[in-house]
Amino acid sequence: MLYAVMESDVRTLSLMNIVVKYADDMNILAPSDSDTVLHEEFDHVKLWADNNKRLINLLKTKEIVFRRPNPRLSAPFISLRFNRSLMLNY
């Protein structure tokens, strides 16, 4: 029960970011347009862990970036013709 009480006081720096907790796991969800950069959020969580005498296993700590594919960013198909002209085909 003590762990549940301690775990419930973890907060994000930004209201845009979300902390998701399950048992002894914690995830920070931060959108790309967040007003706080992710390393500042993580520093805040590390400070919370130090103050509450908790350990963060840095070997299991990962950053995963999710994004929707943007068709405008995909490389165009390039076809070359050897008569001194270059034609781009999309």
C-alpha atoms as a PDB file:
ATOM      1  CA  MET A   1       0.000   0.000   0.000  1.00  0.00           C
ATOM      2  CA  LEU A   2       2.856   2.390   0.765  1.00  0.00           C
ATOM      3  CA  TYR A   3       4.147   1.948  -2.802  1.00  0.00           C
ATOM      4  CA  ALA A   4       0.735   2.884  -4.246  1.00  0.00           C
ATOM      5  CA  VAL A   5       0.645   6.058  -2.153  1.00  0.00           C
ATOM      6  CA  MET A   6       4.190   7.033  -3.155  1.00  0.00           C
ATOM      7  CA  GLU A   7       3.608   6.246  -6.810  1.00  0.00           C
ATOM      8  CA  SER A   8       0.491   8.393  -6.966  1.00  0.00           C
ATOM      9  CA  ASP A   9       2.378  11.638  -6.298  1.00  0.00           C
ATOM     10  CA  VAL A  10       4.423  11.530  -9.516  1.00  0.00           C
ATOM     11  CA  ARG A  11       3.416  14.469 -11.705  1.00  0.00           C
ATOM     12  CA  THR A  12       4.603  15.793 -15.046  1.00  0.00           C
ATOM     13  CA  LEU A  13       6.060  19.257 -15.477  1.00  0.00           C
ATOM     14  CA  SER A  14       3.754  19.955 -18.408  1.00  0.00           C
ATOM     15  CA  LEU A  15      -0.009  19.569 -18.369  1.00  0.00           C
ATOM     16  CA  MET A  16       0.277  18.302 -21.952  1.00  0.00           C
ATOM     17  CA  ASN A  17       2.312  15.264 -20.868  1.00  0.00           C
ATOM     18  CA  ILE A  18       0.809  12.179 -19.244  1.00  0.00           C
ATOM     19  CA  VAL A  19       2.217   9.685 -16.749  1.00  0.00           C
ATOM     20  CA  VAL A  20       0.889   6.137 -17.144  1.00  0.00           C
ATOM     21  CA  LYS A  21       1.675   3.812 -14.243  1.00  0.00           C
ATOM     22  CA  TYR A  22       1.177   0.096 -13.812  1.00  0.00           C
ATOM     23  CA  ALA A  23       2.669  -1.806 -10.854  1.00  0.00           C
ATOM     24  CA  ASP A  24       6.338  -0.774 -10.840  1.00  0.00           C
ATOM     25  CA  ASP A  25       6.384   0.491 -14.447  1.00  0.00           C
ATOM     26  CA  MET A  26       5.939   4.095 -15.515  1.00  0.00           C
ATOM     27  CA  ASN A  27       5.571   5.673 -18.953  1.00  0.00           C
ATOM     28  CA  ILE A  28       5.689   9.343 -19.834  1.00  0.00           C
ATOM     29  CA  LEU A  29       3.693  10.265 -22.920  1.00  0.00           C
ATOM     30  CA  ALA A  30       4.770  13.580 -24.421  1.00  0.00           C
ATOM     31  CA  PRO A  31       3.375  14.974 -27.677  1.00  0.00           C
ATOM     32  CA  SER A  32       5.764  16.578 -30.129  1.00  0.00           C
ATOM     33  CA  ASP A  33       4.274  20.011 -29.441  1.00  0.00           C
ATOM     34  CA  SER A  34       4.729  19.722 -25.653  1.00  0.00           C
ATOM     35  CA  ASP A  35       5.891  22.852 -23.871  1.00  0.00           C
ATOM     36  CA  THR A  36       8.499  20.790 -21.961  1.00  0.00           C
ATOM     37  CA  VAL A  37      11.261  18.772 -23.588  1.00  0.00           C
ATOM     38  CA  LEU A  38      11.417  15.105 -22.677  1.00  0.00           C
ATOM     39  CA  HIS A  39      14.795  15.194 -20.921  1.00  0.00           C
ATOM     40  CA  GLU A  40      13.417  17.843 -18.525  1.00  0.00           C
ATOM     41  CA  GLU A  41      10.472  15.552 -17.734  1.00  0.00           C
ATOM     42  CA  PHE A  42      12.845  12.657 -17.156  1.00  0.00           C
ATOM     43  CA  ASP A  43      15.081  14.791 -14.911  1.00  0.00           C
ATOM     44  CA  HIS A  44      11.953  15.658 -12.923  1.00  0.00           C
ATOM     45  CA  VAL A  45      11.106  11.946 -12.513  1.00  0.00           C
ATOM     46  CA  LYS A  46      14.706  11.181 -11.484  1.00  0.00           C
ATOM     47  CA  LEU A  47      14.485  13.904  -8.834  1.00  0.00           C
ATOM     48  CA  TRP A  48      11.195  12.405  -7.597  1.00  0.00           C
ATOM     49  CA  ALA A  49      12.861   8.961  -7.431  1.00  0.00           C
ATOM     50  CA  ASP A  50      15.812  10.352  -5.448  1.00  0.00           C
ATOM     51  CA  ASN A  51      13.524  12.186  -3.017  1.00  0.00           C
ATOM     52  CA  ASN A  52      11.441   9.036  -2.493  1.00  0.00           C
ATOM     53  CA  LYS A  53      14.440   6.691  -2.285  1.00  0.00           C
ATOM     54  CA  ARG A  54      13.406   4.854  -5.460  1.00  0.00           C
ATOM     55  CA  LEU A  55      15.772   3.500  -8.110  1.00  0.00           C
ATOM     56  CA  ILE A  56      15.395   3.910 -11.867  1.00  0.00           C
ATOM     57  CA  ASN A  57      16.945   1.098 -13.850  1.00  0.00           C
ATOM     58  CA  LEU A  58      18.579   3.058 -16.671  1.00  0.00           C
ATOM     59  CA  LEU A  59      19.338  -0.173 -18.545  1.00  0.00           C
ATOM     60  CA  LYS A  60      15.591  -0.691 -18.958  1.00  0.00           C
ATOM     61  CA  THR A  61      14.808   2.967 -19.682  1.00  0.00           C
ATOM     62  CA  LYS A  62      13.969   3.637 -23.328  1.00  0.00           C
ATOM     63  CA  GLU A  63      12.770   6.486 -25.475  1.00  0.00           C
ATOM     64  CA  ILE A  64      10.395   5.474 -28.235  1.00  0.00           C
ATOM     65  CA  VAL A  65       9.204   7.983 -30.811  1.00  0.00           C
ATOM     66  CA  PHE A  66       5.888   7.339 -32.525  1.00  0.00           C
ATOM     67  CA  ARG A  67       4.809   9.327 -35.541  1.00  0.00           C
ATOM     68  CA  ARG A  68       2.414   9.043 -38.402  1.00  0.00           C
ATOM     69  CA  PRO A  69       4.086   8.547 -41.762  1.00  0.00           C
ATOM     70  CA  ASN A  70       4.037  11.727 -43.789  1.00  0.00           C
ATOM     71  CA  PRO A  71       3.655  11.037 -47.520  1.00  0.00           C
ATOM     72  CA  ARG A  72       5.164  14.444 -48.337  1.00  0.00           C
ATOM     73  CA  LEU A  73       8.432  13.365 -46.695  1.00  0.00           C
ATOM     74  CA  SER A  74       8.889  10.176 -48.691  1.00  0.00           C
ATOM     75  CA  ALA A  75      11.568  10.320 -51.360  1.00  0.00           C
ATOM     76  CA  PRO A  76      10.319  10.712 -54.925  1.00  0.00           C
ATOM     77  CA  PHE A  77      11.044   8.023 -57.470  1.00  0.00           C
ATOM     78  CA  ILE A  78      13.754   9.369 -59.765  1.00  0.00           C
ATOM     79  CA  SER A  79      14.174   8.161 -63.314  1.00  0.00           C
ATOM     80  CA  LEU A  80      17.163   9.233 -65.340  1.00  0.00           C
ATOM     81  CA  ARG A  81      17.364   9.693 -69.042  1.00  0.00           C
ATOM     82  CA  PHE A  82      20.762   9.986 -70.605  1.00  0.00           C
ATOM     83  CA  ASN A  83      19.976  12.657 -73.184  1.00  0.00           C
ATOM     84  CA  ARG A  84      21.231  15.499 -70.952  1.00  0.00           C
ATOM     85  CA  SER A  85      17.945  15.890 -69.114  1.00  0.00           C
ATOM     86  CA  LEU A  86      16.743  14.796 -65.749  1.00  0.00           C
ATOM     87  CA  MET A  87      13.119  13.965 -65.244  1.00  0.00           C
ATOM     88  CA  LEU A  88      11.524  13.418 -61.839  1.00  0.00           C
ATOM     89  CA  ASN A  89       8.592  11.051 -61.696  1.00  0.00           C
ATOM     90  CA  TYR A  90       6.426  11.057 -58.568  1.00  0.00           C
END
